[in-house]
Each structure stands twice: as structure tokens, then as C-alpha cells.
Amino acid sequence: MRGTLAIRARRVIGATRVIRARLAKSVRLVVLALLASGCAALTPRPRPPSPADSALARAVLQETLSEFWRDALIRRYDLALANGVRVTSLPDLSQASRKADLRLAQRIGSGLDVINVGALTESEYLTTLALRWSVDVEAEGAAFYLTDF
């Protein structure tokens, strides 16, 4: 009998340990859920952009686009030909020209960084993405000037 009582006692102790472990796991999950919902409730939602924010973002985007196209139609003959602008000079392939391209790309990139994209329409946002991609390509092209064949 002592052996069976000992076996039963071990089973009961083992069962209580399993129950405690499961209970502790459940309590941890409940605490994590409460903390997550509490953090979500404490974090304020960003306010929607006002019409003034949208107007400012559009103005900065228009200025940045104007700067890009003003320079691009002069320096890049392929864009000038595609837009019907008369090409008056040959492309400058010097390192100084590539450095100027890099400085322009950095200026336009910093202009794009200022724009509040949440205040733009979807098409304007896509325009900023395309312009960002284009100036990043130009900046990388300036970095790899000597390997450009």
C-alpha cells in the first residue's frame, strides 16, 4: 500500500505542476494582451492632414519637380528629345558633370524628405516615389562614374 500511495502522491504532485504551468502560461498571455491593448490605447493616433498640410506638401512637391525638370531638360538629351525640347548641346560626360548630377540628386532628395507624404493624394505619392527612385539612380551613377561604359 505504501508503494501505491507514493505513486498516487507523485501523480497528484505531477498533475498539480502541470496545472500550475498551464495556469502561469495563461496568466502571462492575459497580461501580455492587456499590456498590448494598454499601449495601443495610450499611443495617440496621428491626426489626419489638414488642407493647409496638403497645400504645403503639394507646393513643395511642385517646387521639387520643377527643379528636377529644369535641370533634366538641359542636361539629359534623352528626356529633352522625348518631351519635344530642342537639344542645343552635347552631353557632358566629365566627372565634374557627374558631381553636379550628384549635388542635384542630393538637393532633390532633401526636398523630398521634407514632404509630408500623408498629406498627398495617391498619384502625388507615386510621383514622389518615382522621383526618389530616379534621383537615387542618378546619385549612384555619379558614384560609379569610372565604371560606366
N, C-alpha and C. Protein backbone atom coordinates (compact mmCIF):
# COMPACT_ATOMS: atom_id res chain seq x y z
N MET A 1 0.79 -1.19 0.00
CA MET A 1 0.00 0.00 0.00
C MET A 1 0.84 1.26 0.00
N ARG A 2 1.92 1.19 0.71
CA ARG A 2 2.76 2.39 0.75
C ARG A 2 3.26 2.73 -0.65
N GLY A 3 3.57 1.75 -1.42
CA GLY A 3 4.05 1.98 -2.78
C GLY A 3 2.98 2.62 -3.65
N THR A 4 1.74 2.14 -3.52
CA THR A 4 0.68 2.71 -4.34
C THR A 4 0.34 4.12 -3.89
N LEU A 5 0.41 4.38 -2.56
CA LEU A 5 0.17 5.75 -2.09
C LEU A 5 1.26 6.70 -2.58
N ALA A 6 2.47 6.21 -2.59
CA ALA A 6 3.57 7.04 -3.08
C ALA A 6 3.41 7.34 -4.56
N ILE A 7 2.98 6.32 -5.30
CA ILE A 7 2.77 6.52 -6.74
C ILE A 7 1.64 7.52 -6.97
N ARG A 8 0.56 7.36 -6.22
CA ARG A 8 -0.57 8.28 -6.35
C ARG A 8 -0.16 9.71 -5.96
N ALA A 9 0.60 9.82 -4.92
CA ALA A 9 1.06 11.15 -4.48
C ALA A 9 1.93 11.80 -5.56
N ARG A 10 2.78 11.00 -6.18
CA ARG A 10 3.63 11.56 -7.27
C ARG A 10 2.77 12.01 -8.44
N ARG A 11 1.76 11.22 -8.76
CA ARG A 11 0.87 11.59 -9.87
C ARG A 11 0.13 12.90 -9.56
N VAL A 12 -0.34 13.01 -8.33
CA VAL A 12 -1.06 14.23 -7.93
C VAL A 12 -0.12 15.42 -7.96
N ILE A 13 1.08 15.24 -7.47
CA ILE A 13 2.06 16.33 -7.48
C ILE A 13 2.42 16.70 -8.92
N GLY A 14 2.61 15.70 -9.78
CA GLY A 14 2.91 15.96 -11.19
C GLY A 14 1.76 16.68 -11.88
N ALA A 15 0.53 16.26 -11.56
CA ALA A 15 -0.65 16.89 -12.16
C ALA A 15 -0.78 18.34 -11.70
N THR A 16 -0.51 18.58 -10.42
CA THR A 16 -0.60 19.96 -9.94
C THR A 16 0.48 20.84 -10.57
N ARG A 17 1.64 20.26 -10.83
CA ARG A 17 2.70 21.03 -11.50
C ARG A 17 2.27 21.39 -12.93
N VAL A 18 1.67 20.45 -13.62
CA VAL A 18 1.19 20.72 -14.99
C VAL A 18 0.11 21.79 -14.97
N ILE A 19 -0.79 21.68 -13.99
CA ILE A 19 -1.87 22.67 -13.89
C ILE A 19 -1.30 24.05 -13.59
N ARG A 20 -0.33 24.11 -12.68
CA ARG A 20 0.31 25.39 -12.36
C ARG A 20 1.02 25.98 -13.58
N ALA A 21 1.72 25.13 -14.32
CA ALA A 21 2.43 25.62 -15.51
C ALA A 21 1.45 26.16 -16.54
N ARG A 22 0.36 25.44 -16.75
CA ARG A 22 -0.65 25.91 -17.72
C ARG A 22 -1.31 27.19 -17.24
N LEU A 23 -1.58 27.26 -15.95
CA LEU A 23 -2.19 28.46 -15.39
C LEU A 23 -1.23 29.66 -15.50
N ALA A 24 0.04 29.43 -15.22
CA ALA A 24 1.02 30.51 -15.34
C ALA A 24 1.14 30.98 -16.79
N LYS A 25 1.10 30.05 -17.71
CA LYS A 25 1.17 30.41 -19.13
C LYS A 25 -0.05 31.23 -19.54
N SER A 26 -1.23 30.82 -19.07
CA SER A 26 -2.45 31.56 -19.39
C SER A 26 -2.41 32.96 -18.79
N VAL A 27 -1.92 33.07 -17.56
CA VAL A 27 -1.83 34.38 -16.92
C VAL A 27 -0.86 35.27 -17.69
N ARG A 28 0.28 34.72 -18.13
CA ARG A 28 1.23 35.51 -18.91
C ARG A 28 0.60 36.02 -20.21
N LEU A 29 -0.15 35.15 -20.87
CA LEU A 29 -0.80 35.57 -22.12
C LEU A 29 -1.82 36.67 -21.88
N VAL A 30 -2.59 36.56 -20.80
CA VAL A 30 -3.57 37.59 -20.48
C VAL A 30 -2.88 38.91 -20.15
N VAL A 31 -1.80 38.86 -19.39
CA VAL A 31 -1.06 40.07 -19.04
C VAL A 31 -0.47 40.72 -20.29
N LEU A 32 0.10 39.92 -21.18
CA LEU A 32 0.64 40.48 -22.42
C LEU A 32 -0.45 41.11 -23.27
N ALA A 33 -1.60 40.48 -23.35
CA ALA A 33 -2.70 41.05 -24.12
C ALA A 33 -3.17 42.37 -23.52
N LEU A 34 -3.26 42.43 -22.20
CA LEU A 34 -3.67 43.67 -21.56
C LEU A 34 -2.63 44.77 -21.74
N LEU A 35 -1.36 44.42 -21.67
CA LEU A 35 -0.31 45.42 -21.87
C LEU A 35 -0.33 45.94 -23.30
N ALA A 36 -0.51 45.03 -24.25
CA ALA A 36 -0.53 45.46 -25.65
C ALA A 36 -1.71 46.37 -25.92
N SER A 37 -2.88 46.03 -25.40
CA SER A 37 -4.04 46.89 -25.63
C SER A 37 -3.89 48.20 -24.87
N GLY A 38 -3.24 48.17 -23.71
CA GLY A 38 -3.00 49.41 -22.97
C GLY A 38 -2.05 50.33 -23.72
N CYS A 39 -1.01 49.76 -24.32
CA CYS A 39 -0.07 50.57 -25.10
C CYS A 39 -0.76 51.16 -26.32
N ALA A 40 -1.63 50.36 -26.94
CA ALA A 40 -2.34 50.86 -28.11
C ALA A 40 -3.29 51.99 -27.72
N ALA A 41 -3.88 51.89 -26.55
CA ALA A 41 -4.80 52.94 -26.11
C ALA A 41 -4.04 54.21 -25.72
N LEU A 42 -2.83 54.06 -25.20
CA LEU A 42 -2.05 55.23 -24.78
C LEU A 42 -1.36 55.93 -25.93
N THR A 43 -1.13 55.20 -27.02
CA THR A 43 -0.46 55.80 -28.17
C THR A 43 -1.49 56.58 -28.99
N PRO A 44 -1.32 57.87 -29.11
CA PRO A 44 -2.33 58.63 -29.87
C PRO A 44 -2.20 58.37 -31.36
N ARG A 45 -3.32 58.36 -32.01
CA ARG A 45 -3.31 58.20 -33.46
C ARG A 45 -2.85 59.50 -34.11
N PRO A 46 -2.13 59.38 -35.21
CA PRO A 46 -1.70 60.62 -35.87
C PRO A 46 -2.93 61.35 -36.42
N ARG A 47 -2.88 62.65 -36.30
CA ARG A 47 -4.02 63.43 -36.77
C ARG A 47 -4.03 63.43 -38.29
N PRO A 48 -5.20 63.44 -38.88
CA PRO A 48 -5.26 63.48 -40.34
C PRO A 48 -4.73 64.83 -40.84
N PRO A 49 -4.12 64.84 -42.00
CA PRO A 49 -3.57 66.10 -42.50
C PRO A 49 -4.67 67.11 -42.80
N SER A 50 -4.38 68.34 -42.48
CA SER A 50 -5.33 69.42 -42.75
C SER A 50 -5.18 69.87 -44.20
N PRO A 51 -6.12 70.66 -44.70
CA PRO A 51 -5.97 71.20 -46.06
C PRO A 51 -4.70 72.05 -46.21
N ALA A 52 -4.30 72.72 -45.14
CA ALA A 52 -3.06 73.51 -45.20
C ALA A 52 -1.84 72.61 -45.36
N ASP A 53 -1.86 71.45 -44.66
CA ASP A 53 -0.77 70.48 -44.81
C ASP A 53 -0.69 69.96 -46.24
N SER A 54 -1.86 69.68 -46.82
CA SER A 54 -1.89 69.18 -48.19
C SER A 54 -1.39 70.24 -49.17
N ALA A 55 -1.79 71.48 -48.95
CA ALA A 55 -1.35 72.56 -49.85
C ALA A 55 0.16 72.76 -49.74
N LEU A 56 0.69 72.70 -48.53
CA LEU A 56 2.13 72.86 -48.34
C LEU A 56 2.89 71.70 -48.99
N ALA A 57 2.41 70.48 -48.79
CA ALA A 57 3.07 69.31 -49.38
C ALA A 57 3.05 69.38 -50.90
N ARG A 58 1.92 69.82 -51.47
CA ARG A 58 1.83 69.95 -52.93
C ARG A 58 2.76 71.03 -53.46
N ALA A 59 2.88 72.13 -52.71
CA ALA A 59 3.77 73.22 -53.14
C ALA A 59 5.22 72.77 -53.12
N VAL A 60 5.62 72.06 -52.08
CA VAL A 60 7.00 71.57 -52.01
C VAL A 60 7.25 70.55 -53.11
N LEU A 61 6.28 69.67 -53.36
CA LEU A 61 6.42 68.69 -54.44
C LEU A 61 6.54 69.38 -55.79
N GLN A 62 5.72 70.40 -56.03
CA GLN A 62 5.78 71.12 -57.30
C GLN A 62 7.12 71.82 -57.48
N GLU A 63 7.63 72.41 -56.42
CA GLU A 63 8.93 73.08 -56.48
C GLU A 63 10.05 72.07 -56.77
N THR A 64 9.98 70.92 -56.12
CA THR A 64 10.99 69.88 -56.32
C THR A 64 10.92 69.34 -57.75
N LEU A 65 9.71 69.11 -58.25
CA LEU A 65 9.56 68.64 -59.63
C LEU A 65 10.06 69.67 -60.63
N SER A 66 9.78 70.93 -60.38
CA SER A 66 10.25 71.99 -61.28
C SER A 66 11.77 72.02 -61.33
N GLU A 67 12.40 71.90 -60.17
CA GLU A 67 13.87 71.89 -60.13
C GLU A 67 14.42 70.69 -60.89
N PHE A 68 13.79 69.53 -60.70
CA PHE A 68 14.25 68.33 -61.41
C PHE A 68 14.14 68.50 -62.92
N TRP A 69 12.96 68.92 -63.40
CA TRP A 69 12.76 69.02 -64.85
C TRP A 69 13.55 70.16 -65.47
N ARG A 70 13.71 71.27 -64.75
CA ARG A 70 14.51 72.38 -65.29
C ARG A 70 15.92 71.90 -65.62
N ASP A 71 16.51 71.17 -64.71
CA ASP A 71 17.86 70.67 -64.93
C ASP A 71 17.87 69.50 -65.90
N ALA A 72 16.90 68.61 -65.80
CA ALA A 72 16.90 67.39 -66.63
C ALA A 72 16.74 67.72 -68.11
N LEU A 73 15.94 68.71 -68.45
CA LEU A 73 15.73 69.04 -69.86
C LEU A 73 16.95 69.72 -70.47
N ILE A 74 17.81 70.29 -69.65
CA ILE A 74 19.03 70.91 -70.15
C ILE A 74 20.15 69.88 -70.26
N ARG A 75 20.31 69.05 -69.25
CA ARG A 75 21.46 68.15 -69.17
C ARG A 75 21.26 66.80 -69.83
N ARG A 76 20.02 66.33 -69.91
CA ARG A 76 19.78 64.98 -70.44
C ARG A 76 19.08 65.08 -71.78
N TYR A 77 19.81 64.75 -72.82
CA TYR A 77 19.26 64.88 -74.17
C TYR A 77 18.12 63.89 -74.41
N ASP A 78 18.14 62.72 -73.77
CA ASP A 78 17.09 61.74 -73.99
C ASP A 78 15.74 62.25 -73.49
N LEU A 79 15.72 62.91 -72.34
CA LEU A 79 14.48 63.48 -71.83
C LEU A 79 14.04 64.68 -72.66
N ALA A 80 15.01 65.46 -73.11
CA ALA A 80 14.67 66.62 -73.94
C ALA A 80 14.03 66.17 -75.25
N LEU A 81 14.61 65.17 -75.90
CA LEU A 81 14.04 64.67 -77.15
C LEU A 81 12.66 64.05 -76.94
N ALA A 82 12.49 63.33 -75.85
CA ALA A 82 11.21 62.69 -75.57
C ALA A 82 10.11 63.70 -75.29
N ASN A 83 10.48 64.89 -74.81
CA ASN A 83 9.49 65.92 -74.49
C ASN A 83 9.42 67.02 -75.54
N GLY A 84 10.08 66.82 -76.67
CA GLY A 84 10.00 67.78 -77.76
C GLY A 84 10.81 69.05 -77.56
N VAL A 85 11.79 69.03 -76.70
CA VAL A 85 12.65 70.19 -76.46
C VAL A 85 13.86 70.07 -77.37
N ARG A 86 14.25 71.19 -77.95
CA ARG A 86 15.38 71.20 -78.86
C ARG A 86 16.69 71.01 -78.09
N VAL A 87 17.52 70.10 -78.56
CA VAL A 87 18.82 69.84 -77.93
C VAL A 87 19.82 70.82 -78.53
N THR A 88 20.46 71.60 -77.65
CA THR A 88 21.38 72.63 -78.12
C THR A 88 22.84 72.32 -77.81
N SER A 89 23.10 71.29 -77.01
CA SER A 89 24.48 70.97 -76.67
C SER A 89 24.63 69.46 -76.51
N LEU A 90 25.86 69.03 -76.69
CA LEU A 90 26.17 67.62 -76.50
C LEU A 90 26.22 67.30 -75.01
N PRO A 91 25.94 66.05 -74.65
CA PRO A 91 26.00 65.71 -73.23
C PRO A 91 27.42 65.83 -72.69
N ASP A 92 27.54 66.32 -71.49
CA ASP A 92 28.84 66.46 -70.83
C ASP A 92 29.09 65.19 -70.02
N LEU A 93 30.13 64.47 -70.37
CA LEU A 93 30.44 63.20 -69.72
C LEU A 93 31.59 63.30 -68.73
N SER A 94 31.92 64.52 -68.33
CA SER A 94 33.06 64.70 -67.43
C SER A 94 32.68 64.34 -65.99
N GLN A 95 33.71 64.20 -65.19
CA GLN A 95 33.49 63.89 -63.78
C GLN A 95 32.83 65.08 -63.07
N ALA A 96 33.16 66.28 -63.48
CA ALA A 96 32.54 67.47 -62.88
C ALA A 96 31.03 67.47 -63.13
N SER A 97 30.63 67.04 -64.31
CA SER A 97 29.21 66.95 -64.62
C SER A 97 28.53 65.90 -63.75
N ARG A 98 29.20 64.80 -63.52
CA ARG A 98 28.64 63.75 -62.66
C ARG A 98 28.51 64.24 -61.22
N LYS A 99 29.48 65.04 -60.78
CA LYS A 99 29.39 65.60 -59.43
C LYS A 99 28.23 66.58 -59.33
N ALA A 100 28.01 67.34 -60.40
CA ALA A 100 26.86 68.25 -60.40
C ALA A 100 25.56 67.46 -60.37
N ASP A 101 25.52 66.33 -61.08
CA ASP A 101 24.34 65.45 -61.03
C ASP A 101 24.11 64.94 -59.61
N LEU A 102 25.18 64.58 -58.93
CA LEU A 102 25.08 64.10 -57.56
C LEU A 102 24.55 65.18 -56.64
N ARG A 103 25.08 66.41 -56.77
CA ARG A 103 24.59 67.50 -55.92
C ARG A 103 23.12 67.79 -56.18
N LEU A 104 22.71 67.75 -57.45
CA LEU A 104 21.30 67.97 -57.78
C LEU A 104 20.44 66.85 -57.18
N ALA A 105 20.89 65.62 -57.30
CA ALA A 105 20.13 64.49 -56.74
C ALA A 105 20.02 64.62 -55.22
N GLN A 106 21.06 65.08 -54.57
CA GLN A 106 21.01 65.28 -53.12
C GLN A 106 20.05 66.40 -52.75
N ARG A 107 20.05 67.49 -53.54
CA ARG A 107 19.13 68.59 -53.27
C ARG A 107 17.68 68.15 -53.43
N ILE A 108 17.42 67.42 -54.50
CA ILE A 108 16.05 66.96 -54.74
C ILE A 108 15.65 65.93 -53.68
N GLY A 109 16.58 65.06 -53.30
CA GLY A 109 16.30 64.09 -52.25
C GLY A 109 15.97 64.76 -50.92
N SER A 110 16.70 65.81 -50.58
CA SER A 110 16.40 66.52 -49.34
C SER A 110 15.07 67.25 -49.44
N GLY A 111 14.72 67.71 -50.63
CA GLY A 111 13.39 68.32 -50.83
C GLY A 111 12.29 67.29 -50.66
N LEU A 112 12.52 66.07 -51.11
CA LEU A 112 11.53 65.01 -50.96
C LEU A 112 11.41 64.56 -49.50
N ASP A 113 12.49 64.67 -48.75
CA ASP A 113 12.46 64.28 -47.34
C ASP A 113 11.55 65.20 -46.53
N VAL A 114 11.41 66.44 -46.96
CA VAL A 114 10.62 67.43 -46.23
C VAL A 114 9.12 67.22 -46.43
N ILE A 115 8.75 66.58 -47.52
CA ILE A 115 7.34 66.45 -47.88
C ILE A 115 6.62 65.50 -46.93
N ASN A 116 5.46 65.92 -46.45
CA ASN A 116 4.58 65.07 -45.65
C ASN A 116 3.74 64.24 -46.62
N VAL A 117 4.18 63.00 -46.87
CA VAL A 117 3.51 62.18 -47.88
C VAL A 117 2.10 61.78 -47.46
N GLY A 118 1.81 61.85 -46.17
CA GLY A 118 0.45 61.54 -45.72
C GLY A 118 -0.55 62.58 -46.17
N ALA A 119 -0.09 63.77 -46.54
CA ALA A 119 -0.97 64.85 -46.97
C ALA A 119 -1.17 64.88 -48.48
N LEU A 120 -0.55 63.95 -49.19
CA LEU A 120 -0.65 63.92 -50.64
C LEU A 120 -1.71 62.93 -51.11
N THR A 121 -2.17 63.12 -52.32
CA THR A 121 -3.05 62.13 -52.92
C THR A 121 -2.22 60.93 -53.35
N GLU A 122 -2.90 59.87 -53.75
CA GLU A 122 -2.18 58.66 -54.13
C GLU A 122 -1.29 58.89 -55.35
N SER A 123 -1.77 59.61 -56.33
CA SER A 123 -0.96 59.85 -57.53
C SER A 123 0.24 60.74 -57.22
N GLU A 124 0.06 61.72 -56.33
CA GLU A 124 1.19 62.55 -55.94
C GLU A 124 2.22 61.75 -55.15
N TYR A 125 1.73 60.85 -54.32
CA TYR A 125 2.64 59.98 -53.56
C TYR A 125 3.44 59.10 -54.51
N LEU A 126 2.79 58.55 -55.53
CA LEU A 126 3.51 57.74 -56.51
C LEU A 126 4.52 58.58 -57.28
N THR A 127 4.20 59.84 -57.52
CA THR A 127 5.15 60.74 -58.17
C THR A 127 6.39 60.92 -57.30
N THR A 128 6.20 61.08 -56.00
CA THR A 128 7.36 61.22 -55.12
C THR A 128 8.21 59.96 -55.12
N LEU A 129 7.56 58.79 -55.16
CA LEU A 129 8.33 57.53 -55.20
C LEU A 129 9.13 57.41 -56.49
N ALA A 130 8.51 57.77 -57.61
CA ALA A 130 9.21 57.69 -58.90
C ALA A 130 10.37 58.69 -58.95
N LEU A 131 10.14 59.87 -58.44
CA LEU A 131 11.20 60.89 -58.43
C LEU A 131 12.33 60.46 -57.51
N ARG A 132 11.99 59.89 -56.36
CA ARG A 132 13.01 59.40 -55.43
C ARG A 132 13.85 58.31 -56.10
N TRP A 133 13.20 57.41 -56.79
CA TRP A 133 13.92 56.34 -57.48
C TRP A 133 14.86 56.93 -58.54
N SER A 134 14.37 57.89 -59.30
CA SER A 134 15.17 58.49 -60.36
C SER A 134 16.40 59.21 -59.81
N VAL A 135 16.23 59.99 -58.75
CA VAL A 135 17.39 60.71 -58.23
C VAL A 135 18.36 59.77 -57.52
N ASP A 136 17.85 58.69 -56.95
CA ASP A 136 18.76 57.69 -56.36
C ASP A 136 19.60 57.03 -57.43
N VAL A 137 19.01 56.76 -58.58
CA VAL A 137 19.76 56.18 -59.69
C VAL A 137 20.83 57.16 -60.18
N GLU A 138 20.49 58.43 -60.27
CA GLU A 138 21.47 59.43 -60.69
C GLU A 138 22.61 59.55 -59.69
N ALA A 139 22.29 59.52 -58.41
CA ALA A 139 23.33 59.61 -57.38
C ALA A 139 24.25 58.40 -57.43
N GLU A 140 23.69 57.22 -57.64
CA GLU A 140 24.53 56.02 -57.75
C GLU A 140 25.35 56.05 -59.02
N GLY A 141 24.79 56.61 -60.08
CA GLY A 141 25.55 56.73 -61.32
C GLY A 141 26.76 57.62 -61.17
N ALA A 142 26.63 58.66 -60.36
CA ALA A 142 27.77 59.54 -60.11
C ALA A 142 28.84 58.84 -59.29
N ALA A 143 28.40 57.96 -58.40
CA ALA A 143 29.37 57.25 -57.56
C ALA A 143 30.19 56.25 -58.38
N PHE A 144 29.58 55.68 -59.41
CA PHE A 144 30.25 54.68 -60.23
C PHE A 144 30.61 55.25 -61.60
N TYR A 145 31.06 56.49 -61.62
CA TYR A 145 31.36 57.19 -62.86
C TYR A 145 32.42 56.48 -63.69
N LEU A 146 33.49 56.03 -63.06
CA LEU A 146 34.59 55.42 -63.81
C LEU A 146 34.25 54.06 -64.37
N THR A 147 33.30 53.36 -63.80
CA THR A 147 32.94 52.04 -64.31
C THR A 147 31.76 52.08 -65.26
N ASP A 148 31.27 53.26 -65.59
CA ASP A 148 30.13 53.39 -66.51
C ASP A 148 30.63 53.34 -67.94
N PHE A 149 30.28 52.30 -68.65
CA PHE A 149 30.76 52.16 -70.05
C PHE A 149 29.69 52.56 -71.02
